[in-house]
Amino acid sequence: TRAITNARRQTKEGNADGVADSLKEALDVFKSLLQPVEAGSQGGLK
């Protein structure tokens, strides 16, 4: 994802705060992708 690409670039630049922000964004995207799967396993989408 774009957030992972940004994290790699910021790592090369030595921008630790930027890396942390980009990885948090990537985690949020990943969690949002999991939500429909979790809802579906509970008997249907909500």
N, C-alpha and C. Protein backbone atom coordinates (compact mmCIF):
# COMPACT_ATOMS: atom_id res chain seq x y z
N THR A 1 0.83 -1.19 0.00
CA THR A 1 0.00 0.00 0.00
C THR A 1 0.88 1.25 0.00
N ARG A 2 0.24 2.36 -0.20
CA ARG A 2 0.96 3.63 -0.22
C ARG A 2 1.59 3.90 1.15
N ALA A 3 0.91 3.53 2.22
CA ALA A 3 1.45 3.78 3.56
C ALA A 3 2.75 3.01 3.79
N ILE A 4 2.82 1.77 3.29
CA ILE A 4 4.04 0.98 3.43
C ILE A 4 5.17 1.60 2.61
N THR A 5 4.85 2.05 1.42
CA THR A 5 5.84 2.72 0.57
C THR A 5 6.37 3.96 1.26
N ASN A 6 5.47 4.74 1.85
CA ASN A 6 5.89 5.95 2.58
C ASN A 6 6.79 5.59 3.75
N ALA A 7 6.45 4.52 4.47
CA ALA A 7 7.25 4.11 5.62
C ALA A 7 8.67 3.73 5.19
N ARG A 8 8.78 3.03 4.08
CA ARG A 8 10.12 2.66 3.58
C ARG A 8 10.93 3.90 3.21
N ARG A 9 10.29 4.84 2.53
CA ARG A 9 10.98 6.07 2.14
C ARG A 9 11.43 6.84 3.37
N GLN A 10 10.53 6.94 4.35
CA GLN A 10 10.85 7.70 5.55
C GLN A 10 11.94 7.01 6.38
N THR A 11 11.99 5.68 6.31
CA THR A 11 13.07 4.96 7.00
C THR A 11 14.42 5.34 6.40
N LYS A 12 14.47 5.39 5.07
CA LYS A 12 15.72 5.77 4.39
C LYS A 12 16.12 7.20 4.74
N GLU A 13 15.12 8.06 4.95
CA GLU A 13 15.38 9.46 5.27
C GLU A 13 15.68 9.66 6.76
N GLY A 14 15.50 8.61 7.57
CA GLY A 14 15.74 8.72 9.00
C GLY A 14 14.62 9.40 9.76
N ASN A 15 13.43 9.40 9.19
CA ASN A 15 12.27 10.08 9.79
C ASN A 15 11.45 9.08 10.61
N ALA A 16 11.85 8.86 11.87
CA ALA A 16 11.20 7.86 12.70
C ALA A 16 9.74 8.19 12.99
N ASP A 17 9.43 9.45 13.21
CA ASP A 17 8.04 9.84 13.48
C ASP A 17 7.16 9.58 12.26
N GLY A 18 7.68 9.89 11.09
CA GLY A 18 6.94 9.64 9.86
C GLY A 18 6.70 8.16 9.62
N VAL A 19 7.72 7.34 9.95
CA VAL A 19 7.58 5.89 9.81
C VAL A 19 6.46 5.40 10.70
N ALA A 20 6.44 5.85 11.94
CA ALA A 20 5.41 5.42 12.89
C ALA A 20 4.02 5.81 12.40
N ASP A 21 3.87 7.02 11.90
CA ASP A 21 2.57 7.47 11.39
C ASP A 21 2.13 6.64 10.18
N SER A 22 3.06 6.36 9.28
CA SER A 22 2.72 5.59 8.08
C SER A 22 2.32 4.17 8.45
N LEU A 23 3.02 3.57 9.40
CA LEU A 23 2.69 2.20 9.80
C LEU A 23 1.35 2.15 10.54
N LYS A 24 1.04 3.18 11.31
CA LYS A 24 -0.27 3.24 11.96
C LYS A 24 -1.37 3.33 10.91
N GLU A 25 -1.13 4.11 9.86
CA GLU A 25 -2.10 4.24 8.77
C GLU A 25 -2.30 2.88 8.08
N ALA A 26 -1.19 2.18 7.82
CA ALA A 26 -1.28 0.87 7.17
C ALA A 26 -2.06 -0.10 8.05
N LEU A 27 -1.85 -0.05 9.35
CA LEU A 27 -2.58 -0.92 10.27
C LEU A 27 -4.07 -0.61 10.26
N ASP A 28 -4.41 0.66 10.23
CA ASP A 28 -5.83 1.06 10.16
C ASP A 28 -6.49 0.52 8.89
N VAL A 29 -5.77 0.61 7.77
CA VAL A 29 -6.31 0.09 6.51
C VAL A 29 -6.51 -1.42 6.61
N PHE A 30 -5.52 -2.11 7.16
CA PHE A 30 -5.61 -3.56 7.30
C PHE A 30 -6.80 -3.95 8.18
N LYS A 31 -6.96 -3.24 9.31
CA LYS A 31 -8.08 -3.53 10.20
C LYS A 31 -9.42 -3.28 9.52
N SER A 32 -9.50 -2.23 8.71
CA SER A 32 -10.75 -1.93 8.02
C SER A 32 -11.09 -3.01 6.99
N LEU A 33 -10.07 -3.62 6.42
CA LEU A 33 -10.31 -4.71 5.47
C LEU A 33 -10.82 -5.96 6.17
N LEU A 34 -10.46 -6.14 7.43
CA LEU A 34 -10.88 -7.33 8.18
C LEU A 34 -12.31 -7.22 8.70
N GLN A 35 -12.83 -6.03 8.87
CA GLN A 35 -14.15 -5.86 9.47
C GLN A 35 -15.25 -6.63 8.76
N PRO A 36 -15.38 -6.57 7.44
CA PRO A 36 -16.46 -7.33 6.78
C PRO A 36 -16.34 -8.84 7.00
N VAL A 37 -15.11 -9.35 7.07
CA VAL A 37 -14.90 -10.77 7.30
C VAL A 37 -15.39 -11.14 8.69
N GLU A 38 -15.05 -10.33 9.68
CA GLU A 38 -15.48 -10.61 11.05
C GLU A 38 -16.99 -10.53 11.16
N ALA A 39 -17.60 -9.54 10.56
CA ALA A 39 -19.05 -9.40 10.61
C ALA A 39 -19.72 -10.57 9.90
N GLY A 40 -19.13 -11.01 8.79
CA GLY A 40 -19.70 -12.13 8.04
C GLY A 40 -19.66 -13.42 8.82
N SER A 41 -18.65 -13.60 9.65
CA SER A 41 -18.54 -14.83 10.42
C SER A 41 -19.53 -14.87 11.58
N GLN A 42 -20.16 -13.74 11.86
CA GLN A 42 -21.13 -13.68 12.95
C GLN A 42 -22.55 -13.82 12.43
N GLY A 43 -22.68 -14.27 11.20
CA GLY A 43 -24.02 -14.53 10.69
C GLY A 43 -24.54 -13.52 9.70
N GLY A 44 -23.72 -12.59 9.27
CA GLY A 44 -24.17 -11.65 8.25
C GLY A 44 -23.50 -10.30 8.39
N LEU A 45 -23.52 -9.56 7.33
CA LEU A 45 -22.93 -8.23 7.36
C LEU A 45 -23.82 -7.28 8.14
N LYS A 46 -23.19 -6.34 8.82
CA LYS A 46 -23.95 -5.38 9.63
C LYS A 46 -23.89 -4.02 9.01
